[in-house]
């Protein structure tokens, strides 16, 4: 716009501020505690950045998961691959309290239980002993 010419109010109301070098990214609309604007890039589909509640807003809309944040999102409607076969997840040992590392080890040994049954028995025994269960 030429100097001295005022822009129409409708245009000013819907105007989006873009950051240099990122022409398709919107700037965060939040204000810092000291009164300055945030100036970070806002999340897509949200008026604010992640520091100012953008992840919570997207989570409330059902558009955010932790996998999405790391760039590992699945397409909409797709189910994540199970970490273990359904037969293993149906066993009582899978319902015992254990760490993610133990679950991975259990799934690995479950696949090899035909060739190494002693390893399968050892890990099941250890997990059931740690949880106070019976063998």
Foldseek 3Di string as FASTA:
>chain_A
DDPPDDDDPVCVVPDFDDDPPGRPFGAAQDADPVGHGPRDTPDPPDNHHVVVCRQVVCVVVVNDDPCVVVVNDDPPPDDDDDLADPVVCPDPLVVQDDDPVLVNLQRVCVVVCVVPVVSNVVSSVVRCVVRVHDD
